[in-house]
Amino acid sequence: MDILCCPVCKGELELKVDKKEGDDILEGKLICHKCNVKYPIQEGIPDLLPRNI
């Protein structure tokens, strides 16, 4: 998490976990409060593609 940042504004991302298995995060989201964008995590894979704001 320390090396991840928002691809739009380079702000810090907050992790919200919905489903976890051991140390693996399977479902959730990464939230940038600076530009108010949410990036989903599905099946353990974060989707950090920039969104149209």
PDB file of N, CA and C in Angstrom:
ATOM      1  N   MET A   1       0.817  -1.200   0.000  1.00  0.00           N
ATOM      2  CA  MET A   1       0.000   0.000   0.000  1.00  0.00           C
ATOM      3  C   MET A   1       0.855   1.256   0.000  1.00  0.00           C
ATOM      4  N   ASP A   2       2.045   1.188   0.540  1.00  0.00           N
ATOM      5  CA  ASP A   2       2.887   2.380   0.631  1.00  0.00           C
ATOM      6  C   ASP A   2       3.306   2.915  -0.736  1.00  0.00           C
ATOM      7  N   ILE A   3       3.360   2.053  -1.747  1.00  0.00           N
ATOM      8  CA  ILE A   3       3.821   2.508  -3.056  1.00  0.00           C
ATOM      9  C   ILE A   3       2.671   2.825  -4.009  1.00  0.00           C
ATOM     10  N   LEU A   4       1.426   2.497  -3.625  1.00  0.00           N
ATOM     11  CA  LEU A   4       0.282   2.792  -4.479  1.00  0.00           C
ATOM     12  C   LEU A   4      -0.183   4.230  -4.295  1.00  0.00           C
ATOM     13  N   CYS A   5      -0.579   4.852  -5.389  1.00  0.00           N
ATOM     14  CA  CYS A   5      -1.161   6.191  -5.325  1.00  0.00           C
ATOM     15  C   CYS A   5      -2.220   6.295  -6.408  1.00  0.00           C
ATOM     16  N   CYS A   6      -3.047   7.299  -6.303  1.00  0.00           N
ATOM     17  CA  CYS A   6      -4.099   7.536  -7.284  1.00  0.00           C
ATOM     18  C   CYS A   6      -3.459   7.857  -8.640  1.00  0.00           C
ATOM     19  N   PRO A   7      -3.857   7.144  -9.702  1.00  0.00           N
ATOM     20  CA  PRO A   7      -3.277   7.433 -11.018  1.00  0.00           C
ATOM     21  C   PRO A   7      -3.740   8.769 -11.596  1.00  0.00           C
ATOM     22  N   VAL A   8      -4.800   9.345 -11.059  1.00  0.00           N
ATOM     23  CA  VAL A   8      -5.314  10.617 -11.564  1.00  0.00           C
ATOM     24  C   VAL A   8      -4.574  11.794 -10.949  1.00  0.00           C
ATOM     25  N   CYS A   9      -4.518  11.835  -9.590  1.00  0.00           N
ATOM     26  CA  CYS A   9      -3.964  13.018  -8.928  1.00  0.00           C
ATOM     27  C   CYS A   9      -2.727  12.716  -8.073  1.00  0.00           C
ATOM     28  N   LYS A  10      -2.326  11.452  -8.002  1.00  0.00           N
ATOM     29  CA  LYS A  10      -1.174  10.993  -7.210  1.00  0.00           C
ATOM     30  C   LYS A  10      -1.413  11.106  -5.697  1.00  0.00           C
ATOM     31  N   GLY A  11      -2.678  11.228  -5.285  1.00  0.00           N
ATOM     32  CA  GLY A  11      -3.026  11.287  -3.871  1.00  0.00           C
ATOM     33  C   GLY A  11      -2.930   9.919  -3.210  1.00  0.00           C
ATOM     34  N   GLU A  12      -2.956   9.906  -1.876  1.00  0.00           N
ATOM     35  CA  GLU A  12      -2.918   8.655  -1.120  1.00  0.00           C
ATOM     36  C   GLU A  12      -4.230   7.908  -1.288  1.00  0.00           C
ATOM     37  N   LEU A  13      -4.145   6.575  -1.254  1.00  0.00           N
ATOM     38  CA  LEU A  13      -5.327   5.738  -1.376  1.00  0.00           C
ATOM     39  C   LEU A  13      -5.650   5.093  -0.030  1.00  0.00           C
ATOM     40  N   GLU A  14      -6.932   5.068   0.312  1.00  0.00           N
ATOM     41  CA  GLU A  14      -7.406   4.392   1.517  1.00  0.00           C
ATOM     42  C   GLU A  14      -8.004   3.055   1.098  1.00  0.00           C
ATOM     43  N   LEU A  15      -7.666   2.004   1.827  1.00  0.00           N
ATOM     44  CA  LEU A  15      -8.153   0.665   1.523  1.00  0.00           C
ATOM     45  C   LEU A  15      -9.384   0.356   2.364  1.00  0.00           C
ATOM     46  N   LYS A  16     -10.467  -0.061   1.703  1.00  0.00           N
ATOM     47  CA  LYS A  16     -11.673  -0.549   2.362  1.00  0.00           C
ATOM     48  C   LYS A  16     -11.852  -1.998   1.938  1.00  0.00           C
ATOM     49  N   VAL A  17     -11.816  -2.919   2.899  1.00  0.00           N
ATOM     50  CA  VAL A  17     -11.890  -4.348   2.613  1.00  0.00           C
ATOM     51  C   VAL A  17     -13.324  -4.839   2.815  1.00  0.00           C
ATOM     52  N   ASP A  18     -13.870  -5.542   1.806  1.00  0.00           N
ATOM     53  CA  ASP A  18     -15.189  -6.159   1.914  1.00  0.00           C
ATOM     54  C   ASP A  18     -15.075  -7.659   2.153  1.00  0.00           C
ATOM     55  N   LYS A  19     -14.076  -8.299   1.537  1.00  0.00           N
ATOM     56  CA  LYS A  19     -13.898  -9.747   1.678  1.00  0.00           C
ATOM     57  C   LYS A  19     -12.409 -10.065   1.699  1.00  0.00           C
ATOM     58  N   LYS A  20     -12.005 -10.844   2.708  1.00  0.00           N
ATOM     59  CA  LYS A  20     -10.593 -11.160   2.900  1.00  0.00           C
ATOM     60  C   LYS A  20     -10.449 -12.653   3.155  1.00  0.00           C
ATOM     61  N   GLU A  21      -9.367 -13.230   2.658  1.00  0.00           N
ATOM     62  CA  GLU A  21      -9.064 -14.643   2.898  1.00  0.00           C
ATOM     63  C   GLU A  21      -7.607 -14.728   3.332  1.00  0.00           C
ATOM     64  N   GLY A  22      -7.378 -14.956   4.620  1.00  0.00           N
ATOM     65  CA  GLY A  22      -6.016 -14.913   5.154  1.00  0.00           C
ATOM     66  C   GLY A  22      -5.488 -13.495   5.045  1.00  0.00           C
ATOM     67  N   ASP A  23      -4.333 -13.331   4.411  1.00  0.00           N
ATOM     68  CA  ASP A  23      -3.761 -12.003   4.189  1.00  0.00           C
ATOM     69  C   ASP A  23      -4.185 -11.408   2.841  1.00  0.00           C
ATOM     70  N   ASP A  24      -4.910 -12.182   2.029  1.00  0.00           N
ATOM     71  CA  ASP A  24      -5.301 -11.738   0.693  1.00  0.00           C
ATOM     72  C   ASP A  24      -6.616 -10.968   0.742  1.00  0.00           C
ATOM     73  N   ILE A  25      -6.655  -9.827   0.081  1.00  0.00           N
ATOM     74  CA  ILE A  25      -7.877  -9.043  -0.035  1.00  0.00           C
ATOM     75  C   ILE A  25      -8.539  -9.430  -1.350  1.00  0.00           C
ATOM     76  N   LEU A  26      -9.733 -10.012  -1.259  1.00  0.00           N
ATOM     77  CA  LEU A  26     -10.423 -10.495  -2.448  1.00  0.00           C
ATOM     78  C   LEU A  26     -11.390  -9.470  -3.032  1.00  0.00           C
ATOM     79  N   GLU A  27     -12.076  -8.730  -2.185  1.00  0.00           N
ATOM     80  CA  GLU A  27     -13.045  -7.735  -2.624  1.00  0.00           C
ATOM     81  C   GLU A  27     -12.893  -6.476  -1.778  1.00  0.00           C
ATOM     82  N   GLY A  28     -13.104  -5.329  -2.381  1.00  0.00           N
ATOM     83  CA  GLY A  28     -13.038  -4.070  -1.656  1.00  0.00           C
ATOM     84  C   GLY A  28     -12.848  -2.920  -2.616  1.00  0.00           C
ATOM     85  N   LYS A  29     -12.250  -1.852  -2.101  1.00  0.00           N
ATOM     86  CA  LYS A  29     -11.997  -0.690  -2.952  1.00  0.00           C
ATOM     87  C   LYS A  29     -10.848   0.132  -2.401  1.00  0.00           C
ATOM     88  N   LEU A  30     -10.203   0.840  -3.291  1.00  0.00           N
ATOM     89  CA  LEU A  30      -9.196   1.827  -2.943  1.00  0.00           C
ATOM     90  C   LEU A  30      -9.812   3.192  -3.208  1.00  0.00           C
ATOM     91  N   ILE A  31      -9.767   4.073  -2.225  1.00  0.00           N
ATOM     92  CA  ILE A  31     -10.452   5.361  -2.319  1.00  0.00           C
ATOM     93  C   ILE A  31      -9.440   6.495  -2.249  1.00  0.00           C
ATOM     94  N   CYS A  32      -9.536   7.413  -3.210  1.00  0.00           N
ATOM     95  CA  CYS A  32      -8.741   8.634  -3.178  1.00  0.00           C
ATOM     96  C   CYS A  32      -9.651   9.754  -2.695  1.00  0.00           C
ATOM     97  N   HIS A  33      -9.366  10.292  -1.519  1.00  0.00           N
ATOM     98  CA  HIS A  33     -10.183  11.365  -0.969  1.00  0.00           C
ATOM     99  C   HIS A  33      -9.827  12.724  -1.589  1.00  0.00           C
ATOM    100  N   LYS A  34      -8.657  12.796  -2.220  1.00  0.00           N
ATOM    101  CA  LYS A  34      -8.232  14.052  -2.838  1.00  0.00           C
ATOM    102  C   LYS A  34      -9.070  14.383  -4.079  1.00  0.00           C
ATOM    103  N   CYS A  35      -9.308  13.382  -4.934  1.00  0.00           N
ATOM    104  CA  CYS A  35     -10.108  13.629  -6.138  1.00  0.00           C
ATOM    105  C   CYS A  35     -11.424  12.846  -6.131  1.00  0.00           C
ATOM    106  N   ASN A  36     -11.704  12.159  -5.008  1.00  0.00           N
ATOM    107  CA  ASN A  36     -12.972  11.473  -4.782  1.00  0.00           C
ATOM    108  C   ASN A  36     -13.261  10.378  -5.826  1.00  0.00           C
ATOM    109  N   VAL A  37     -12.243   9.562  -6.124  1.00  0.00           N
ATOM    110  CA  VAL A  37     -12.388   8.453  -7.059  1.00  0.00           C
ATOM    111  C   VAL A  37     -12.250   7.154  -6.275  1.00  0.00           C
ATOM    112  N   LYS A  38     -13.079   6.152  -6.624  1.00  0.00           N
ATOM    113  CA  LYS A  38     -13.021   4.831  -5.988  1.00  0.00           C
ATOM    114  C   LYS A  38     -12.609   3.803  -7.034  1.00  0.00           C
ATOM    115  N   TYR A  39     -11.603   3.003  -6.686  1.00  0.00           N
ATOM    116  CA  TYR A  39     -11.102   1.956  -7.568  1.00  0.00           C
ATOM    117  C   TYR A  39     -11.476   0.607  -6.968  1.00  0.00           C
ATOM    118  N   PRO A  40     -12.229  -0.223  -7.694  1.00  0.00           N
ATOM    119  CA  PRO A  40     -12.672  -1.498  -7.140  1.00  0.00           C
ATOM    120  C   PRO A  40     -11.558  -2.541  -7.086  1.00  0.00           C
ATOM    121  N   ILE A  41     -11.695  -3.449  -6.132  1.00  0.00           N
ATOM    122  CA  ILE A  41     -10.855  -4.646  -6.056  1.00  0.00           C
ATOM    123  C   ILE A  41     -11.807  -5.820  -6.202  1.00  0.00           C
ATOM    124  N   GLN A  42     -11.610  -6.629  -7.242  1.00  0.00           N
ATOM    125  CA  GLN A  42     -12.473  -7.783  -7.493  1.00  0.00           C
ATOM    126  C   GLN A  42     -11.607  -8.992  -7.763  1.00  0.00           C
ATOM    127  N   GLU A  43     -11.919 -10.103  -7.081  1.00  0.00           N
ATOM    128  CA  GLU A  43     -11.170 -11.348  -7.206  1.00  0.00           C
ATOM    129  C   GLU A  43      -9.688 -11.125  -6.922  1.00  0.00           C
ATOM    130  N   GLY A  44      -9.387 -10.203  -5.992  1.00  0.00           N
ATOM    131  CA  GLY A  44      -8.008  -9.947  -5.573  1.00  0.00           C
ATOM    132  C   GLY A  44      -7.229  -9.012  -6.482  1.00  0.00           C
ATOM    133  N   ILE A  45      -7.884  -8.459  -7.508  1.00  0.00           N
ATOM    134  CA  ILE A  45      -7.190  -7.616  -8.480  1.00  0.00           C
ATOM    135  C   ILE A  45      -7.728  -6.190  -8.414  1.00  0.00           C
ATOM    136  N   PRO A  46      -6.867  -5.209  -8.089  1.00  0.00           N
ATOM    137  CA  PRO A  46      -7.322  -3.822  -8.088  1.00  0.00           C
ATOM    138  C   PRO A  46      -7.390  -3.273  -9.518  1.00  0.00           C
ATOM    139  N   ASP A  47      -8.455  -2.544  -9.816  1.00  0.00           N
ATOM    140  CA  ASP A  47      -8.633  -1.908 -11.124  1.00  0.00           C
ATOM    141  C   ASP A  47      -8.277  -0.428 -10.957  1.00  0.00           C
ATOM    142  N   LEU A  48      -7.044  -0.085 -11.295  1.00  0.00           N
ATOM    143  CA  LEU A  48      -6.551   1.278 -11.129  1.00  0.00           C
ATOM    144  C   LEU A  48      -6.552   2.088 -12.424  1.00  0.00           C
ATOM    145  N   LEU A  49      -7.391   1.674 -13.375  1.00  0.00           N
ATOM    146  CA  LEU A  49      -7.489   2.453 -14.599  1.00  0.00           C
ATOM    147  C   LEU A  49      -8.141   3.793 -14.281  1.00  0.00           C
ATOM    148  N   PRO A  50      -7.573   4.887 -14.776  1.00  0.00           N
ATOM    149  CA  PRO A  50      -8.165   6.210 -14.513  1.00  0.00           C
ATOM    150  C   PRO A  50      -9.601   6.303 -15.022  1.00  0.00           C
ATOM    151  N   ARG A  51     -10.438   6.926 -14.223  1.00  0.00           N
ATOM    152  CA  ARG A  51     -11.842   7.137 -14.579  1.00  0.00           C
ATOM    153  C   ARG A  51     -12.015   8.523 -15.175  1.00  0.00           C
ATOM    154  N   ASN A  52     -13.067   8.694 -15.932  1.00  0.00           N
ATOM    155  CA  ASN A  52     -13.409  10.039 -16.415  1.00  0.00           C
ATOM    156  C   ASN A  52     -14.034  10.789 -15.249  1.00  0.00           C
ATOM    157  N   ILE A  53     -13.461  11.916 -14.916  1.00  0.00           N
ATOM    158  CA  ILE A  53     -13.945  12.707 -13.769  1.00  0.00           C
ATOM    159  C   ILE A  53     -14.825  13.823 -14.280  1.00  0.00           C
TER     160      ILE A  53
END
